[in-house]
Amino acid sequence: MTFVAQIPFRLHTLTLGFTPVSTSTLILCLRATPSLVQLKLGPTEMIDLGEFFASFVEFPHLRLLPRLESMHAVNEVGARTNPTPEALVEMLSWRWGTGTSSAVVGSVRLRSFRMALANT
């Protein structure tokens, strides 16, 4: 994941599965790729999807993934890192209402979101 922070480039699509990285490291790396339009996160025990989704709302001035239009997240059934329904609704409301908020000027609206649970 360190390659993302070291090389400034325009990344359109990123697919990660079984990534051995912490949630905070993932968020830092994704902040370095503001051009990202599509994100697919596969199941992992190290990434807390609740914390990841909350980062979109809690720090709007940091503008996590401002160009993101499509997100697909897969998590393990019963994982301790599954987001609460409230966290999902808050993040989706925030990203779908992006165009009307002055806090996220320059961001696009999330057009597609899919959350799936996988059995091991």
PDB file of N, CA and C in Angstrom:
ATOM      1  N   MET A   1       0.818  -1.208   0.000  1.00  0.00           N
ATOM      2  CA  MET A   1       0.000   0.000   0.000  1.00  0.00           C
ATOM      3  C   MET A   1       0.857   1.265   0.000  1.00  0.00           C
ATOM      4  N   THR A   2       2.111   1.170   0.339  1.00  0.00           N
ATOM      5  CA  THR A   2       2.933   2.372   0.388  1.00  0.00           C
ATOM      6  C   THR A   2       3.179   2.965  -0.987  1.00  0.00           C
ATOM      7  N   PHE A   3       3.037   2.187  -2.043  1.00  0.00           N
ATOM      8  CA  PHE A   3       3.236   2.736  -3.381  1.00  0.00           C
ATOM      9  C   PHE A   3       2.254   3.864  -3.682  1.00  0.00           C
ATOM     10  N   VAL A   4       1.079   3.798  -3.106  1.00  0.00           N
ATOM     11  CA  VAL A   4       0.058   4.814  -3.361  1.00  0.00           C
ATOM     12  C   VAL A   4       0.512   6.175  -2.867  1.00  0.00           C
ATOM     13  N   ALA A   5       1.068   6.239  -1.679  1.00  0.00           N
ATOM     14  CA  ALA A   5       1.489   7.511  -1.102  1.00  0.00           C
ATOM     15  C   ALA A   5       2.766   8.046  -1.747  1.00  0.00           C
ATOM     16  N   GLN A   6       3.559   7.185  -2.372  1.00  0.00           N
ATOM     17  CA  GLN A   6       4.842   7.609  -2.915  1.00  0.00           C
ATOM     18  C   GLN A   6       4.756   8.166  -4.328  1.00  0.00           C
ATOM     19  N   ILE A   7       3.804   7.723  -5.095  1.00  0.00           N
ATOM     20  CA  ILE A   7       3.728   8.130  -6.500  1.00  0.00           C
ATOM     21  C   ILE A   7       2.401   8.843  -6.759  1.00  0.00           C
ATOM     22  N   PRO A   8       2.460  10.141  -7.078  1.00  0.00           N
ATOM     23  CA  PRO A   8       1.212  10.838  -7.385  1.00  0.00           C
ATOM     24  C   PRO A   8       0.741  10.464  -8.799  1.00  0.00           C
ATOM     25  N   PHE A   9      -0.324   9.704  -8.891  1.00  0.00           N
ATOM     26  CA  PHE A   9      -0.865   9.338 -10.196  1.00  0.00           C
ATOM     27  C   PHE A   9      -2.381   9.273 -10.110  1.00  0.00           C
ATOM     28  N   ARG A  10      -2.998   9.157 -11.266  1.00  0.00           N
ATOM     29  CA  ARG A  10      -4.442   9.107 -11.326  1.00  0.00           C
ATOM     30  C   ARG A  10      -4.891   7.651 -11.411  1.00  0.00           C
ATOM     31  N   LEU A  11      -5.454   7.186 -10.335  1.00  0.00           N
ATOM     32  CA  LEU A  11      -5.939   5.816 -10.270  1.00  0.00           C
ATOM     33  C   LEU A  11      -7.457   5.859 -10.393  1.00  0.00           C
ATOM     34  N   HIS A  12      -8.006   5.094 -11.326  1.00  0.00           N
ATOM     35  CA  HIS A  12      -9.444   5.108 -11.575  1.00  0.00           C
ATOM     36  C   HIS A  12     -10.164   4.015 -10.790  1.00  0.00           C
ATOM     37  N   THR A  13      -9.626   2.801 -10.817  1.00  0.00           N
ATOM     38  CA  THR A  13     -10.264   1.646 -10.183  1.00  0.00           C
ATOM     39  C   THR A  13      -9.260   0.935  -9.292  1.00  0.00           C
ATOM     40  N   LEU A  14      -9.706   0.559  -8.104  1.00  0.00           N
ATOM     41  CA  LEU A  14      -8.850  -0.179  -7.186  1.00  0.00           C
ATOM     42  C   LEU A  14      -9.656  -1.324  -6.582  1.00  0.00           C
ATOM     43  N   THR A  15      -9.105  -2.525  -6.667  1.00  0.00           N
ATOM     44  CA  THR A  15      -9.723  -3.709  -6.084  1.00  0.00           C
ATOM     45  C   THR A  15      -8.748  -4.297  -5.071  1.00  0.00           C
ATOM     46  N   LEU A  16      -9.194  -4.448  -3.846  1.00  0.00           N
ATOM     47  CA  LEU A  16      -8.362  -4.998  -2.774  1.00  0.00           C
ATOM     48  C   LEU A  16      -9.100  -6.156  -2.120  1.00  0.00           C
ATOM     49  N   GLY A  17      -8.400  -7.255  -1.926  1.00  0.00           N
ATOM     50  CA  GLY A  17      -8.991  -8.396  -1.250  1.00  0.00           C
ATOM     51  C   GLY A  17      -7.976  -9.023  -0.318  1.00  0.00           C
ATOM     52  N   PHE A  18      -8.401  -9.386   0.863  1.00  0.00           N
ATOM     53  CA  PHE A  18      -7.536  -9.998   1.864  1.00  0.00           C
ATOM     54  C   PHE A  18      -6.287  -9.150   2.094  1.00  0.00           C
ATOM     55  N   THR A  19      -6.477  -7.846   2.143  1.00  0.00           N
ATOM     56  CA  THR A  19      -5.384  -6.893   2.289  1.00  0.00           C
ATOM     57  C   THR A  19      -4.864  -6.891   3.723  1.00  0.00           C
ATOM     58  N   PRO A  20      -3.570  -7.162   3.922  1.00  0.00           N
ATOM     59  CA  PRO A  20      -3.007  -7.178   5.275  1.00  0.00           C
ATOM     60  C   PRO A  20      -2.614  -5.763   5.721  1.00  0.00           C
ATOM     61  N   VAL A  21      -3.585  -4.921   5.909  1.00  0.00           N
ATOM     62  CA  VAL A  21      -3.335  -3.528   6.268  1.00  0.00           C
ATOM     63  C   VAL A  21      -4.413  -3.080   7.250  1.00  0.00           C
ATOM     64  N   SER A  22      -4.060  -2.158   8.121  1.00  0.00           N
ATOM     65  CA  SER A  22      -5.036  -1.663   9.099  1.00  0.00           C
ATOM     66  C   SER A  22      -5.994  -0.678   8.437  1.00  0.00           C
ATOM     67  N   THR A  23      -7.077  -0.410   9.111  1.00  0.00           N
ATOM     68  CA  THR A  23      -8.067   0.536   8.609  1.00  0.00           C
ATOM     69  C   THR A  23      -7.464   1.917   8.438  1.00  0.00           C
ATOM     70  N   SER A  24      -6.711   2.383   9.413  1.00  0.00           N
ATOM     71  CA  SER A  24      -6.125   3.723   9.334  1.00  0.00           C
ATOM     72  C   SER A  24      -5.121   3.826   8.187  1.00  0.00           C
ATOM     73  N   THR A  25      -4.345   2.772   7.932  1.00  0.00           N
ATOM     74  CA  THR A  25      -3.402   2.777   6.819  1.00  0.00           C
ATOM     75  C   THR A  25      -4.150   2.805   5.489  1.00  0.00           C
ATOM     76  N   LEU A  26      -5.216   2.043   5.381  1.00  0.00           N
ATOM     77  CA  LEU A  26      -6.030   2.054   4.164  1.00  0.00           C
ATOM     78  C   LEU A  26      -6.579   3.456   3.901  1.00  0.00           C
ATOM     79  N   ILE A  27      -7.101   4.101   4.928  1.00  0.00           N
ATOM     80  CA  ILE A  27      -7.662   5.448   4.776  1.00  0.00           C
ATOM     81  C   ILE A  27      -6.583   6.428   4.333  1.00  0.00           C
ATOM     82  N   LEU A  28      -5.394   6.352   4.931  1.00  0.00           N
ATOM     83  CA  LEU A  28      -4.288   7.235   4.532  1.00  0.00           C
ATOM     84  C   LEU A  28      -3.908   7.033   3.072  1.00  0.00           C
ATOM     85  N   CYS A  29      -3.839   5.792   2.644  1.00  0.00           N
ATOM     86  CA  CYS A  29      -3.485   5.506   1.251  1.00  0.00           C
ATOM     87  C   CYS A  29      -4.568   5.982   0.293  1.00  0.00           C
ATOM     88  N   LEU A  30      -5.817   5.809   0.662  1.00  0.00           N
ATOM     89  CA  LEU A  30      -6.903   6.236  -0.213  1.00  0.00           C
ATOM     90  C   LEU A  30      -6.993   7.759  -0.300  1.00  0.00           C
ATOM     91  N   ARG A  31      -6.588   8.461   0.751  1.00  0.00           N
ATOM     92  CA  ARG A  31      -6.541   9.927   0.681  1.00  0.00           C
ATOM     93  C   ARG A  31      -5.521  10.397  -0.354  1.00  0.00           C
ATOM     94  N   ALA A  32      -4.523   9.564  -0.620  1.00  0.00           N
ATOM     95  CA  ALA A  32      -3.493   9.907  -1.595  1.00  0.00           C
ATOM     96  C   ALA A  32      -3.942   9.636  -3.030  1.00  0.00           C
ATOM     97  N   THR A  33      -5.141   9.080  -3.201  1.00  0.00           N
ATOM     98  CA  THR A  33      -5.665   8.778  -4.535  1.00  0.00           C
ATOM     99  C   THR A  33      -7.025   9.440  -4.737  1.00  0.00           C
ATOM    100  N   PRO A  34      -7.073  10.772  -4.758  1.00  0.00           N
ATOM    101  CA  PRO A  34      -8.358  11.457  -4.888  1.00  0.00           C
ATOM    102  C   PRO A  34      -9.050  11.220  -6.230  1.00  0.00           C
ATOM    103  N   SER A  35      -8.337  10.683  -7.219  1.00  0.00           N
ATOM    104  CA  SER A  35      -8.920  10.440  -8.536  1.00  0.00           C
ATOM    105  C   SER A  35      -9.731   9.142  -8.594  1.00  0.00           C
ATOM    106  N   LEU A  36      -9.681   8.322  -7.546  1.00  0.00           N
ATOM    107  CA  LEU A  36     -10.333   7.014  -7.546  1.00  0.00           C
ATOM    108  C   LEU A  36     -11.836   7.140  -7.777  1.00  0.00           C
ATOM    109  N   VAL A  37     -12.354   6.396  -8.757  1.00  0.00           N
ATOM    110  CA  VAL A  37     -13.772   6.436  -9.101  1.00  0.00           C
ATOM    111  C   VAL A  37     -14.484   5.159  -8.658  1.00  0.00           C
ATOM    112  N   GLN A  38     -13.799   4.018  -8.746  1.00  0.00           N
ATOM    113  CA  GLN A  38     -14.386   2.742  -8.359  1.00  0.00           C
ATOM    114  C   GLN A  38     -13.504   2.058  -7.318  1.00  0.00           C
ATOM    115  N   LEU A  39     -14.127   1.611  -6.230  1.00  0.00           N
ATOM    116  CA  LEU A  39     -13.409   0.912  -5.169  1.00  0.00           C
ATOM    117  C   LEU A  39     -14.120  -0.388  -4.845  1.00  0.00           C
ATOM    118  N   LYS A  40     -13.355  -1.474  -4.836  1.00  0.00           N
ATOM    119  CA  LYS A  40     -13.886  -2.780  -4.460  1.00  0.00           C
ATOM    120  C   LYS A  40     -13.023  -3.318  -3.323  1.00  0.00           C
ATOM    121  N   LEU A  41     -13.643  -3.537  -2.177  1.00  0.00           N
ATOM    122  CA  LEU A  41     -12.944  -4.067  -1.007  1.00  0.00           C
ATOM    123  C   LEU A  41     -13.424  -5.485  -0.746  1.00  0.00           C
ATOM    124  N   GLY A  42     -12.495  -6.418  -0.821  1.00  0.00           N
ATOM    125  CA  GLY A  42     -12.821  -7.802  -0.536  1.00  0.00           C
ATOM    126  C   GLY A  42     -12.766  -8.064   0.958  1.00  0.00           C
ATOM    127  N   PRO A  43     -13.117  -9.260   1.371  1.00  0.00           N
ATOM    128  CA  PRO A  43     -13.123  -9.566   2.807  1.00  0.00           C
ATOM    129  C   PRO A  43     -11.728  -9.511   3.415  1.00  0.00           C
ATOM    130  N   THR A  44     -11.665  -9.011   4.614  1.00  0.00           N
ATOM    131  CA  THR A  44     -10.415  -8.972   5.357  1.00  0.00           C
ATOM    132  C   THR A  44     -10.731  -8.860   6.834  1.00  0.00           C
ATOM    133  N   GLU A  45      -9.895  -9.428   7.653  1.00  0.00           N
ATOM    134  CA  GLU A  45     -10.113  -9.343   9.093  1.00  0.00           C
ATOM    135  C   GLU A  45      -9.527  -8.076   9.683  1.00  0.00           C
ATOM    136  N   MET A  46      -8.639  -7.417   8.950  1.00  0.00           N
ATOM    137  CA  MET A  46      -7.929  -6.271   9.508  1.00  0.00           C
ATOM    138  C   MET A  46      -8.631  -4.932   9.277  1.00  0.00           C
ATOM    139  N   ILE A  47      -9.482  -4.850   8.270  1.00  0.00           N
ATOM    140  CA  ILE A  47     -10.148  -3.587   7.970  1.00  0.00           C
ATOM    141  C   ILE A  47     -11.509  -3.566   8.644  1.00  0.00           C
ATOM    142  N   ASP A  48     -11.721  -2.560   9.453  1.00  0.00           N
ATOM    143  CA  ASP A  48     -12.999  -2.363  10.137  1.00  0.00           C
ATOM    144  C   ASP A  48     -13.869  -1.499   9.227  1.00  0.00           C
ATOM    145  N   LEU A  49     -14.835  -2.129   8.559  1.00  0.00           N
ATOM    146  CA  LEU A  49     -15.674  -1.388   7.617  1.00  0.00           C
ATOM    147  C   LEU A  49     -16.499  -0.306   8.301  1.00  0.00           C
ATOM    148  N   GLY A  50     -16.873  -0.517   9.553  1.00  0.00           N
ATOM    149  CA  GLY A  50     -17.595   0.509  10.300  1.00  0.00           C
ATOM    150  C   GLY A  50     -16.754   1.770  10.442  1.00  0.00           C
ATOM    151  N   GLU A  51     -15.494   1.592  10.822  1.00  0.00           N
ATOM    152  CA  GLU A  51     -14.573   2.724  10.959  1.00  0.00           C
ATOM    153  C   GLU A  51     -14.296   3.354   9.594  1.00  0.00           C
ATOM    154  N   PHE A  52     -14.140   2.514   8.572  1.00  0.00           N
ATOM    155  CA  PHE A  52     -13.876   3.021   7.223  1.00  0.00           C
ATOM    156  C   PHE A  52     -15.042   3.879   6.726  1.00  0.00           C
ATOM    157  N   PHE A  53     -16.270   3.381   6.868  1.00  0.00           N
ATOM    158  CA  PHE A  53     -17.430   4.154   6.425  1.00  0.00           C
ATOM    159  C   PHE A  53     -17.597   5.434   7.238  1.00  0.00           C
ATOM    160  N   ALA A  54     -17.315   5.361   8.527  1.00  0.00           N
ATOM    161  CA  ALA A  54     -17.423   6.549   9.383  1.00  0.00           C
ATOM    162  C   ALA A  54     -16.443   7.638   8.964  1.00  0.00           C
ATOM    163  N   SER A  55     -15.298   7.248   8.397  1.00  0.00           N
ATOM    164  CA  SER A  55     -14.289   8.240   7.999  1.00  0.00           C
ATOM    165  C   SER A  55     -14.791   9.169   6.896  1.00  0.00           C
ATOM    166  N   PHE A  56     -15.794   8.757   6.136  1.00  0.00           N
ATOM    167  CA  PHE A  56     -16.370   9.622   5.107  1.00  0.00           C
ATOM    168  C   PHE A  56     -17.130  10.782   5.740  1.00  0.00           C
ATOM    169  N   VAL A  57     -17.758  10.530   6.874  1.00  0.00           N
ATOM    170  CA  VAL A  57     -18.626  11.513   7.516  1.00  0.00           C
ATOM    171  C   VAL A  57     -17.904  12.310   8.595  1.00  0.00           C
ATOM    172  N   GLU A  58     -17.051  11.658   9.370  1.00  0.00           N
ATOM    173  CA  GLU A  58     -16.417  12.298  10.524  1.00  0.00           C
ATOM    174  C   GLU A  58     -15.408  13.375  10.157  1.00  0.00           C
ATOM    175  N   PHE A  59     -14.775  13.235   9.010  1.00  0.00           N
ATOM    176  CA  PHE A  59     -13.746  14.189   8.608  1.00  0.00           C
ATOM    177  C   PHE A  59     -14.022  14.722   7.204  1.00  0.00           C
ATOM    178  N   PRO A  60     -15.136  15.432   7.010  1.00  0.00           N
ATOM    179  CA  PRO A  60     -15.494  15.875   5.665  1.00  0.00           C
ATOM    180  C   PRO A  60     -14.469  16.820   5.045  1.00  0.00           C
ATOM    181  N   HIS A  61     -13.742  17.565   5.878  1.00  0.00           N
ATOM    182  CA  HIS A  61     -12.748  18.502   5.347  1.00  0.00           C
ATOM    183  C   HIS A  61     -11.569  17.767   4.707  1.00  0.00           C
ATOM    184  N   LEU A  62     -11.384  16.486   5.045  1.00  0.00           N
ATOM    185  CA  LEU A  62     -10.296  15.708   4.455  1.00  0.00           C
ATOM    186  C   LEU A  62     -10.696  15.104   3.112  1.00  0.00           C
ATOM    187  N   ARG A  63     -11.968  15.131   2.815  1.00  0.00           N
ATOM    188  CA  ARG A  63     -12.504  14.725   1.522  1.00  0.00           C
ATOM    189  C   ARG A  63     -11.976  13.375   1.055  1.00  0.00           C
ATOM    190  N   LEU A  64     -12.307  12.350   1.789  1.00  0.00           N
ATOM    191  CA  LEU A  64     -11.904  11.005   1.411  1.00  0.00           C
ATOM    192  C   LEU A  64     -12.604  10.606   0.116  1.00  0.00           C
ATOM    193  N   LEU A  65     -11.822  10.268  -0.890  1.00  0.00           N
ATOM    194  CA  LEU A  65     -12.306   9.803  -2.192  1.00  0.00           C
ATOM    195  C   LEU A  65     -13.385  10.714  -2.789  1.00  0.00           C
ATOM    196  N   PRO A  66     -13.059  11.952  -3.084  1.00  0.00           N
ATOM    197  CA  PRO A  66     -14.056  12.905  -3.573  1.00  0.00           C
ATOM    198  C   PRO A  66     -14.634  12.559  -4.941  1.00  0.00           C
ATOM    199  N   ARG A  67     -13.967  11.738  -5.762  1.00  0.00           N
ATOM    200  CA  ARG A  67     -14.447  11.372  -7.096  1.00  0.00           C
ATOM    201  C   ARG A  67     -15.143  10.010  -7.104  1.00  0.00           C
ATOM    202  N   LEU A  68     -15.225   9.359  -5.935  1.00  0.00           N
ATOM    203  CA  LEU A  68     -15.777   8.004  -5.861  1.00  0.00           C
ATOM    204  C   LEU A  68     -17.232   7.972  -6.310  1.00  0.00           C
ATOM    205  N   GLU A  69     -17.512   7.115  -7.295  1.00  0.00           N
ATOM    206  CA  GLU A  69     -18.874   6.943  -7.804  1.00  0.00           C
ATOM    207  C   GLU A  69     -19.431   5.559  -7.516  1.00  0.00           C
ATOM    208  N   SER A  70     -18.552   4.576  -7.335  1.00  0.00           N
ATOM    209  CA  SER A  70     -18.997   3.207  -7.155  1.00  0.00           C
ATOM    210  C   SER A  70     -18.154   2.519  -6.089  1.00  0.00           C
ATOM    211  N   MET A  71     -18.831   1.908  -5.107  1.00  0.00           N
ATOM    212  CA  MET A  71     -18.131   1.170  -4.057  1.00  0.00           C
ATOM    213  C   MET A  71     -18.805  -0.181  -3.861  1.00  0.00           C
ATOM    214  N   HIS A  72     -17.970  -1.214  -3.788  1.00  0.00           N
ATOM    215  CA  HIS A  72     -18.434  -2.569  -3.529  1.00  0.00           C
ATOM    216  C   HIS A  72     -17.606  -3.095  -2.363  1.00  0.00           C
ATOM    217  N   ALA A  73     -18.250  -3.505  -1.309  1.00  0.00           N
ATOM    218  CA  ALA A  73     -17.542  -4.008  -0.128  1.00  0.00           C
ATOM    219  C   ALA A  73     -18.073  -5.392   0.231  1.00  0.00           C
ATOM    220  N   VAL A  74     -17.151  -6.302   0.498  1.00  0.00           N
ATOM    221  CA  VAL A  74     -17.510  -7.657   0.911  1.00  0.00           C
ATOM    222  C   VAL A  74     -16.866  -7.887   2.270  1.00  0.00           C
ATOM    223  N   ASN A  75     -17.641  -8.422   3.181  1.00  0.00           N
ATOM    224  CA  ASN A  75     -17.126  -8.732   4.505  1.00  0.00           C
ATOM    225  C   ASN A  75     -17.579 -10.129   4.895  1.00  0.00           C
ATOM    226  N   GLU A  76     -16.886 -10.722   5.829  1.00  0.00           N
ATOM    227  CA  GLU A  76     -17.230 -12.063   6.301  1.00  0.00           C
ATOM    228  C   GLU A  76     -18.484 -12.021   7.162  1.00  0.00           C
ATOM    229  N   VAL A  77     -19.323 -13.033   7.033  1.00  0.00           N
ATOM    230  CA  VAL A  77     -20.509 -13.151   7.875  1.00  0.00           C
ATOM    231  C   VAL A  77     -20.056 -13.270   9.325  1.00  0.00           C
ATOM    232  N   GLY A  78     -20.612 -12.448  10.195  1.00  0.00           N
ATOM    233  CA  GLY A  78     -20.289 -12.507  11.612  1.00  0.00           C
ATOM    234  C   GLY A  78     -18.984 -11.844  11.995  1.00  0.00           C
ATOM    235  N   ALA A  79     -18.335 -11.175  11.050  1.00  0.00           N
ATOM    236  CA  ALA A  79     -17.065 -10.507  11.368  1.00  0.00           C
ATOM    237  C   ALA A  79     -17.297  -9.399  12.380  1.00  0.00           C
ATOM    238  N   ARG A  80     -16.330  -9.197  13.254  1.00  0.00           N
ATOM    239  CA  ARG A  80     -16.455  -8.143  14.265  1.00  0.00           C
ATOM    240  C   ARG A  80     -16.325  -6.763  13.645  1.00  0.00           C
ATOM    241  N   THR A  81     -15.925  -6.708  12.373  1.00  0.00           N
ATOM    242  CA  THR A  81     -15.711  -5.427  11.704  1.00  0.00           C
ATOM    243  C   THR A  81     -16.878  -5.003  10.827  1.00  0.00           C
ATOM    244  N   ASN A  82     -17.993  -5.724  10.902  1.00  0.00           N
ATOM    245  CA  ASN A  82     -19.147  -5.336  10.098  1.00  0.00           C
ATOM    246  C   ASN A  82     -19.707  -4.011  10.606  1.00  0.00           C
ATOM    247  N   PRO A  83     -20.027  -3.094   9.692  1.00  0.00           N
ATOM    248  CA  PRO A  83     -20.574  -1.800  10.120  1.00  0.00           C
ATOM    249  C   PRO A  83     -21.997  -1.951  10.630  1.00  0.00           C
ATOM    250  N   THR A  84     -22.386  -1.041  11.488  1.00  0.00           N
ATOM    251  CA  THR A  84     -23.767  -1.033  11.957  1.00  0.00           C
ATOM    252  C   THR A  84     -24.652  -0.478  10.846  1.00  0.00           C
ATOM    253  N   PRO A  85     -25.930  -0.814  10.850  1.00  0.00           N
ATOM    254  CA  PRO A  85     -26.833  -0.230   9.851  1.00  0.00           C
ATOM    255  C   PRO A  85     -26.828   1.303   9.909  1.00  0.00           C
ATOM    256  N   GLU A  86     -26.699   1.865  11.118  1.00  0.00           N
ATOM    257  CA  GLU A  86     -26.669   3.318  11.268  1.00  0.00           C
ATOM    258  C   GLU A  86     -25.456   3.930  10.569  1.00  0.00           C
ATOM    259  N   ALA A  87     -24.293   3.283  10.697  1.00  0.00           N
ATOM    260  CA  ALA A  87     -23.073   3.783  10.046  1.00  0.00           C
ATOM    261  C   ALA A  87     -23.218   3.743   8.527  1.00  0.00           C
ATOM    262  N   LEU A  88     -23.833   2.668   8.020  1.00  0.00           N
ATOM    263  CA  LEU A  88     -24.059   2.572   6.577  1.00  0.00           C
ATOM    264  C   LEU A  88     -24.989   3.669   6.082  1.00  0.00           C
ATOM    265  N   VAL A  89     -26.104   3.844   6.780  1.00  0.00           N
ATOM    266  CA  VAL A  89     -27.087   4.857   6.368  1.00  0.00           C
ATOM    267  C   VAL A  89     -26.472   6.247   6.425  1.00  0.00           C
ATOM    268  N   GLU A  90     -25.711   6.538   7.458  1.00  0.00           N
ATOM    269  CA  GLU A  90     -25.093   7.856   7.589  1.00  0.00           C
ATOM    270  C   GLU A  90     -24.106   8.118   6.452  1.00  0.00           C
ATOM    271  N   MET A  91     -23.258   7.138   6.146  1.00  0.00           N
ATOM    272  CA  MET A  91     -22.292   7.307   5.066  1.00  0.00           C
ATOM    273  C   MET A  91     -22.989   7.460   3.726  1.00  0.00           C
ATOM    274  N   LEU A  92     -23.978   6.616   3.459  1.00  0.00           N
ATOM    275  CA  LEU A  92     -24.681   6.696   2.181  1.00  0.00           C
ATOM    276  C   LEU A  92     -25.455   8.005   2.047  1.00  0.00           C
ATOM    277  N   SER A  93     -26.085   8.447   3.106  1.00  0.00           N
ATOM    278  CA  SER A  93     -26.802   9.737   3.075  1.00  0.00           C
ATOM    279  C   SER A  93     -25.834  10.869   2.786  1.00  0.00           C
ATOM    280  N   TRP A  94     -24.672  10.803   3.419  1.00  0.00           N
ATOM    281  CA  TRP A  94     -23.653  11.835   3.225  1.00  0.00           C
ATOM    282  C   TRP A  94     -23.183  11.858   1.773  1.00  0.00           C
ATOM    283  N   ARG A  95     -22.823  10.677   1.230  1.00  0.00           N
ATOM    284  CA  ARG A  95     -22.287  10.624  -0.129  1.00  0.00           C
ATOM    285  C   ARG A  95     -23.355  10.861  -1.194  1.00  0.00           C
ATOM    286  N   TRP A  96     -24.587  10.462  -0.959  1.00  0.00           N
ATOM    287  CA  TRP A  96     -25.631  10.723  -1.948  1.00  0.00           C
ATOM    288  C   TRP A  96     -26.088  12.166  -1.892  1.00  0.00           C
ATOM    289  N   GLY A  97     -25.867  12.849  -0.776  1.00  0.00           N
ATOM    290  CA  GLY A  97     -26.223  14.260  -0.663  1.00  0.00           C
ATOM    291  C   GLY A  97     -25.057  15.191  -0.896  1.00  0.00           C
ATOM    292  N   THR A  98     -23.937  14.662  -1.373  1.00  0.00           N
ATOM    293  CA  THR A  98     -22.707  15.425  -1.528  1.00  0.00           C
ATOM    294  C   THR A  98     -22.872  16.704  -2.337  1.00  0.00           C
ATOM    295  N   GLY A  99     -23.619  16.660  -3.392  1.00  0.00           N
ATOM    296  CA  GLY A  99     -23.741  17.817  -4.274  1.00  0.00           C
ATOM    297  C   GLY A  99     -24.410  19.015  -3.632  1.00  0.00           C
ATOM    298  N   THR A 100     -25.089  18.814  -2.515  1.00  0.00           N
ATOM    299  CA  THR A 100     -25.805  19.907  -1.868  1.00  0.00           C
ATOM    300  C   THR A 100     -25.081  20.458  -0.651  1.00  0.00           C
ATOM    301  N   SER A 101     -23.920  19.898  -0.308  1.00  0.00           N
ATOM    302  CA  SER A 101     -23.209  20.317   0.895  1.00  0.00           C
ATOM    303  C   SER A 101     -21.978  21.143   0.541  1.00  0.00           C
ATOM    304  N   SER A 102     -21.850  22.296   1.156  1.00  0.00           N
ATOM    305  CA  SER A 102     -20.687  23.140   0.902  1.00  0.00           C
ATOM    306  C   SER A 102     -19.416  22.553   1.516  1.00  0.00           C
ATOM    307  N   ALA A 103     -19.559  21.611   2.450  1.00  0.00           N
ATOM    308  CA  ALA A 103     -18.383  21.004   3.091  1.00  0.00           C
ATOM    309  C   ALA A 103     -17.624  20.087   2.141  1.00  0.00           C
ATOM    310  N   VAL A 104     -18.287  19.651   1.096  1.00  0.00           N
ATOM    311  CA  VAL A 104     -17.642  18.735   0.169  1.00  0.00           C
ATOM    312  C   VAL A 104     -17.707  19.262  -1.270  1.00  0.00           C
ATOM    313  N   VAL A 105     -17.520  20.542  -1.456  1.00  0.00           N
ATOM    314  CA  VAL A 105     -17.505  21.128  -2.781  1.00  0.00           C
ATOM    315  C   VAL A 105     -16.421  20.450  -3.607  1.00  0.00           C
ATOM    316  N   GLY A 106     -16.738  20.119  -4.833  1.00  0.00           N
ATOM    317  CA  GLY A 106     -15.779  19.443  -5.695  1.00  0.00           C
ATOM    318  C   GLY A 106     -15.900  17.928  -5.653  1.00  0.00           C
ATOM    319  N   SER A 107     -16.746  17.414  -4.801  1.00  0.00           N
ATOM    320  CA  SER A 107     -16.954  15.977  -4.722  1.00  0.00           C
ATOM    321  C   SER A 107     -18.129  15.579  -5.612  1.00  0.00           C
ATOM    322  N   VAL A 108     -18.132  14.328  -6.004  1.00  0.00           N
ATOM    323  CA  VAL A 108     -19.242  13.807  -6.795  1.00  0.00           C
ATOM    324  C   VAL A 108     -20.102  12.922  -5.903  1.00  0.00           C
ATOM    325  N   ARG A 109     -21.297  12.652  -6.369  1.00  0.00           N
ATOM    326  CA  ARG A 109     -22.195  11.780  -5.609  1.00  0.00           C
ATOM    327  C   ARG A 109     -21.868  10.321  -5.873  1.00  0.00           C
ATOM    328  N   LEU A 110     -22.017   9.530  -4.833  1.00  0.00           N
ATOM    329  CA  LEU A 110     -21.864   8.085  -4.964  1.00  0.00           C
ATOM    330  C   LEU A 110     -23.072   7.586  -5.751  1.00  0.00           C
ATOM    331  N   ARG A 111     -22.836   6.903  -6.859  1.00  0.00           N
ATOM    332  CA  ARG A 111     -23.928   6.440  -7.719  1.00  0.00           C
ATOM    333  C   ARG A 111     -24.294   4.983  -7.486  1.00  0.00           C
ATOM    334  N   SER A 112     -23.315   4.203  -7.025  1.00  0.00           N
ATOM    335  CA  SER A 112     -23.539   2.784  -6.870  1.00  0.00           C
ATOM    336  C   SER A 112     -22.854   2.292  -5.603  1.00  0.00           C
ATOM    337  N   PHE A 113     -23.579   1.510  -4.811  1.00  0.00           N
ATOM    338  CA  PHE A 113     -23.021   0.953  -3.586  1.00  0.00           C
ATOM    339  C   PHE A 113     -23.551  -0.455  -3.417  1.00  0.00           C
ATOM    340  N   ARG A 114     -22.641  -1.365  -3.100  1.00  0.00           N
ATOM    341  CA  ARG A 114     -23.049  -2.753  -2.850  1.00  0.00           C
ATOM    342  C   ARG A 114     -22.270  -3.270  -1.668  1.00  0.00           C
ATOM    343  N   MET A 115     -22.978  -3.815  -0.703  1.00  0.00           N
ATOM    344  CA  MET A 115     -22.359  -4.421   0.481  1.00  0.00           C
ATOM    345  C   MET A 115     -22.812  -5.872   0.510  1.00  0.00           C
ATOM    346  N   ALA A 116     -21.872  -6.781   0.527  1.00  0.00           N
ATOM    347  CA  ALA A 116     -22.187  -8.197   0.545  1.00  0.00           C
ATOM    348  C   ALA A 116     -21.476  -8.864   1.703  1.00  0.00           C
ATOM    349  N   LEU A 117     -22.074  -9.932   2.182  1.00  0.00           N
ATOM    350  CA  LEU A 117     -21.459 -10.734   3.231  1.00  0.00           C
ATOM    351  C   LEU A 117     -21.105 -12.083   2.638  1.00  0.00           C
ATOM    352  N   ALA A 118     -19.876 -12.520   2.886  1.00  0.00           N
ATOM    353  CA  ALA A 118     -19.389 -13.780   2.330  1.00  0.00           C
ATOM    354  C   ALA A 118     -19.202 -14.806   3.433  1.00  0.00           C
ATOM    355  N   ASN A 119     -19.516 -16.033   3.130  1.00  0.00           N
ATOM    356  CA  ASN A 119     -19.211 -17.144   4.039  1.00  0.00           C
ATOM    357  C   ASN A 119     -17.829 -17.671   3.712  1.00  0.00           C
ATOM    358  N   THR A 120     -17.058 -18.024   4.737  1.00  0.00           N
ATOM    359  CA  THR A 120     -15.721 -18.564   4.450  1.00  0.00           C
ATOM    360  C   THR A 120     -15.839 -19.981   3.926  1.00  0.00           C
TER     361      THR A 120
END
